[in-house]
Amino acid sequence: MTERHPIDKALLGFEQQPSTFIPIILNIVSNESGLPVEIIKSKTRKREVVQARQIAMLLSSRIVKTSLANIGFEIGRKDHATVLHARKTILNITETDKPVLQLVLRCINILAMYMGSGLVCSICGGADVIRLAFINPNTDRFVRYKEKAEITDCICNTCHAYVPLVQQSKYRNKYEVNHFETVSNTV
């Protein structure tokens, strides 16, 4: 039995995200690699740029629910074959090149924090939220993906609204108080 690749292990349990998540992946790869998004999406063939682009393609192909052609188009106007090649290349490189593997795993850790942590929409209570800003655990820096994003801003994929996040327990308590008041008023 073959052992799973460390990247595949790290991506276990990730939920599929909408195609609007590709720019977020690009921003995370950009922050971690130190290369601007415009350079990653450019046609340059410098090694460090190509690797950053390939990492973004690999992560997008594993996390985003869209076609490989769409991923390629969003990341530098490439085709689906380039995305397939990028996935294969990064998986091969990371078996021997530990710094590249560490870069990919750092990006995955940030994505995990960005997507999870028990936070829900304050309007509908939905857990399918995309945060527009967060604290990078690797650098303790505030990272935003929109020009005016605050630490609490997010997009809810359930009610399609820009809303502040709340802890799941607080939303549940809010609902239980409102439900209790409604029930007690009817008795």
Protein backbone atom coordinates (compact mmCIF):
# COMPACT_ATOMS: atom_id res chain seq x y z
CA MET A 1 0.00 0.00 0.00
CA THR A 2 1.39 3.40 -0.95
CA GLU A 3 1.50 6.19 1.56
CA ARG A 4 -0.36 9.41 0.80
CA HIS A 5 1.62 12.45 -0.28
CA PRO A 6 1.96 15.05 2.55
CA ILE A 7 -0.01 17.56 0.47
CA ASP A 8 -2.86 15.08 0.01
CA LYS A 9 -2.84 14.41 3.77
CA ALA A 10 -2.96 18.13 4.52
CA LEU A 11 -5.90 18.65 2.14
CA LEU A 12 -8.05 15.88 3.64
CA GLY A 13 -11.38 17.24 4.85
CA PHE A 14 -11.30 20.46 2.81
CA GLU A 15 -14.72 21.33 1.42
CA GLN A 16 -15.06 22.37 -2.19
CA GLN A 17 -15.20 26.14 -2.61
CA PRO A 18 -16.80 28.27 -5.36
CA SER A 19 -14.67 29.60 -8.22
CA THR A 20 -14.61 33.02 -6.51
CA PHE A 21 -12.10 31.41 -4.11
CA ILE A 22 -9.29 31.31 -6.74
CA PRO A 23 -8.21 34.95 -6.09
CA ILE A 24 -8.00 34.15 -2.37
CA ILE A 25 -5.71 31.20 -3.09
CA LEU A 26 -3.61 33.46 -5.34
CA ASN A 27 -3.34 36.06 -2.57
CA ILE A 28 -2.26 33.45 -0.02
CA VAL A 29 0.39 32.02 -2.39
CA SER A 30 1.47 35.59 -3.16
CA ASN A 31 1.86 36.49 0.52
CA GLU A 32 3.76 33.30 1.35
CA SER A 33 6.04 33.35 -1.71
CA GLY A 34 6.68 37.10 -1.56
CA LEU A 35 5.65 37.56 -5.19
CA PRO A 36 2.88 39.95 -6.30
CA VAL A 37 -0.25 38.33 -7.77
CA GLU A 38 0.30 40.20 -11.05
CA ILE A 39 3.73 38.57 -11.41
CA ILE A 40 2.36 35.10 -10.59
CA LYS A 41 -0.31 35.54 -13.27
CA SER A 42 2.19 36.94 -15.81
CA LYS A 43 3.84 35.01 -18.63
CA THR A 44 7.31 35.03 -17.06
CA ARG A 45 9.15 31.71 -16.86
CA LYS A 46 11.40 32.48 -13.91
CA ARG A 47 11.62 29.42 -11.70
CA GLU A 48 10.25 30.97 -8.49
CA VAL A 49 7.33 32.56 -10.37
CA VAL A 50 6.49 29.34 -12.23
CA GLN A 51 6.54 27.37 -8.95
CA ALA A 52 4.25 29.89 -7.22
CA ARG A 53 1.87 29.74 -10.20
CA GLN A 54 1.95 25.93 -10.13
CA ILE A 55 1.25 25.88 -6.38
CA ALA A 56 -1.76 28.14 -6.90
CA MET A 57 -2.98 25.84 -9.68
CA LEU A 58 -2.50 22.72 -7.56
CA LEU A 59 -4.35 24.18 -4.57
CA SER A 60 -7.13 25.59 -6.77
CA SER A 61 -7.61 22.26 -8.54
CA ARG A 62 -7.95 20.46 -5.20
CA ILE A 63 -10.12 23.01 -3.37
CA VAL A 64 -12.19 24.92 -5.94
CA LYS A 65 -15.24 23.37 -7.56
CA THR A 66 -14.69 24.43 -11.17
CA SER A 67 -13.11 23.14 -14.35
CA LEU A 68 -9.36 22.94 -14.89
CA ALA A 69 -9.82 25.23 -17.89
CA ASN A 70 -11.39 27.89 -15.65
CA ILE A 71 -8.59 27.54 -13.09
CA GLY A 72 -5.98 27.93 -15.83
CA PHE A 73 -7.75 30.97 -17.24
CA GLU A 74 -7.97 32.64 -13.81
CA ILE A 75 -4.29 31.96 -13.07
CA GLY A 76 -2.49 33.50 -16.01
CA ARG A 77 -4.77 32.63 -18.94
CA LYS A 78 -3.43 29.07 -19.17
CA ASP A 79 -5.27 25.99 -20.46
CA HIS A 80 -6.37 22.83 -18.63
CA ALA A 81 -3.27 20.88 -19.70
CA THR A 82 -1.06 23.43 -17.97
CA VAL A 83 -3.04 22.93 -14.74
CA LEU A 84 -2.63 19.13 -15.01
CA HIS A 85 1.11 19.57 -15.61
CA ALA A 86 1.36 21.98 -12.64
CA ARG A 87 -0.31 19.48 -10.28
CA LYS A 88 2.02 16.67 -11.37
CA THR A 89 5.11 18.89 -11.24
CA ILE A 90 4.50 20.26 -7.73
CA LEU A 91 3.69 16.82 -6.33
CA ASN A 92 6.95 15.49 -7.84
CA ILE A 93 9.08 18.46 -6.75
CA THR A 94 7.82 18.37 -3.17
CA GLU A 95 9.00 14.78 -2.73
CA THR A 96 12.62 16.00 -2.84
CA ASP A 97 12.52 19.80 -2.38
CA LYS A 98 11.58 20.45 1.27
CA PRO A 99 11.42 24.28 1.01
CA VAL A 100 8.77 24.01 -1.73
CA LEU A 101 6.86 21.43 0.33
CA GLN A 102 7.00 23.76 3.36
CA LEU A 103 5.68 26.64 1.22
CA VAL A 104 2.75 24.52 0.02
CA LEU A 105 1.97 23.30 3.56
CA ARG A 106 2.09 26.88 4.91
CA CYS A 107 -0.41 27.92 2.25
CA ILE A 108 -2.64 24.97 3.14
CA ASN A 109 -2.48 25.88 6.86
CA ILE A 110 -3.54 29.44 6.08
CA LEU A 111 -6.36 28.17 3.85
CA ALA A 112 -7.53 25.87 6.65
CA MET A 113 -7.60 28.75 9.11
CA TYR A 114 -9.23 31.02 6.54
CA MET A 115 -12.01 28.53 5.81
CA GLY A 116 -12.71 27.04 9.21
CA SER A 117 -12.49 27.61 12.94
CA GLY A 118 -16.14 27.19 13.95
CA LEU A 119 -17.25 30.63 12.77
CA VAL A 120 -20.70 31.11 11.28
CA CYS A 121 -22.71 33.83 9.53
CA SER A 122 -24.34 36.21 12.03
CA ILE A 123 -27.49 36.45 9.88
CA CYS A 124 -28.37 32.87 8.90
CA GLY A 125 -25.97 30.79 11.03
CA GLY A 126 -24.50 29.14 7.94
CA ALA A 127 -21.02 27.68 8.26
CA ASP A 128 -20.23 28.06 4.54
CA VAL A 129 -18.44 31.39 4.88
CA ILE A 130 -15.41 32.92 3.21
CA ARG A 131 -13.40 35.32 5.33
CA LEU A 132 -12.05 38.44 3.65
CA ALA A 133 -9.43 39.07 6.34
CA PHE A 134 -7.60 37.14 9.05
CA ILE A 135 -4.39 36.96 11.07
CA ASN A 136 -1.68 34.94 9.30
CA PRO A 137 -0.49 32.34 11.85
CA ASN A 138 2.98 32.20 10.28
CA THR A 139 3.72 35.92 10.54
CA ASP A 140 1.07 37.31 12.97
CA ARG A 141 0.22 39.88 10.29
CA PHE A 142 -3.29 41.11 9.48
CA VAL A 143 -4.08 39.94 5.94
CA ARG A 144 -6.97 41.34 3.92
CA TYR A 145 -8.25 40.32 0.52
CA LYS A 146 -10.46 43.31 -0.15
CA GLU A 147 -9.42 46.95 0.04
CA LYS A 148 -11.56 47.82 3.07
CA ALA A 149 -11.93 44.43 4.76
CA GLU A 150 -12.03 44.30 8.54
CA ILE A 151 -10.92 41.32 10.62
CA THR A 152 -14.55 40.22 11.07
CA ASP A 153 -15.76 40.57 7.46
CA CYS A 154 -16.88 37.57 5.46
CA ILE A 155 -19.13 36.48 2.62
CA CYS A 156 -21.82 33.95 3.48
CA ASN A 157 -22.40 31.45 0.66
CA THR A 158 -25.77 30.51 2.17
CA CYS A 159 -27.46 33.93 2.35
CA HIS A 160 -25.01 35.63 -0.09
CA ALA A 161 -24.37 38.62 2.17
CA TYR A 162 -21.32 40.42 3.50
CA VAL A 163 -21.63 39.88 7.23
CA PRO A 164 -19.57 39.81 10.41
CA LEU A 165 -18.64 36.38 11.72
CA VAL A 166 -19.71 35.13 15.13
CA GLN A 167 -18.79 32.07 17.16
CA GLN A 168 -21.20 29.21 16.56
CA SER A 169 -22.18 29.14 20.25
CA LYS A 170 -23.14 32.85 20.21
CA TYR A 171 -25.36 32.37 17.16
CA ARG A 172 -26.96 29.35 18.80
CA ASN A 173 -27.56 31.34 22.01
CA LYS A 174 -29.08 34.21 20.01
CA TYR A 175 -31.40 31.81 18.26
CA GLU A 176 -32.38 30.05 21.50
CA VAL A 177 -33.19 33.38 23.23
CA ASN A 178 -35.34 34.53 20.30
CA HIS A 179 -36.99 31.13 20.09
CA PHE A 180 -37.70 31.13 23.83
CA GLU A 181 -39.21 34.65 23.69
CA THR A 182 -41.41 33.63 20.75
CA VAL A 183 -42.59 30.49 22.53
CA SER A 184 -43.26 32.29 25.84
CA ASN A 185 -45.24 35.05 24.07
CA THR A 186 -47.58 32.50 22.49
CA VAL A 187 -48.42 30.73 25.78
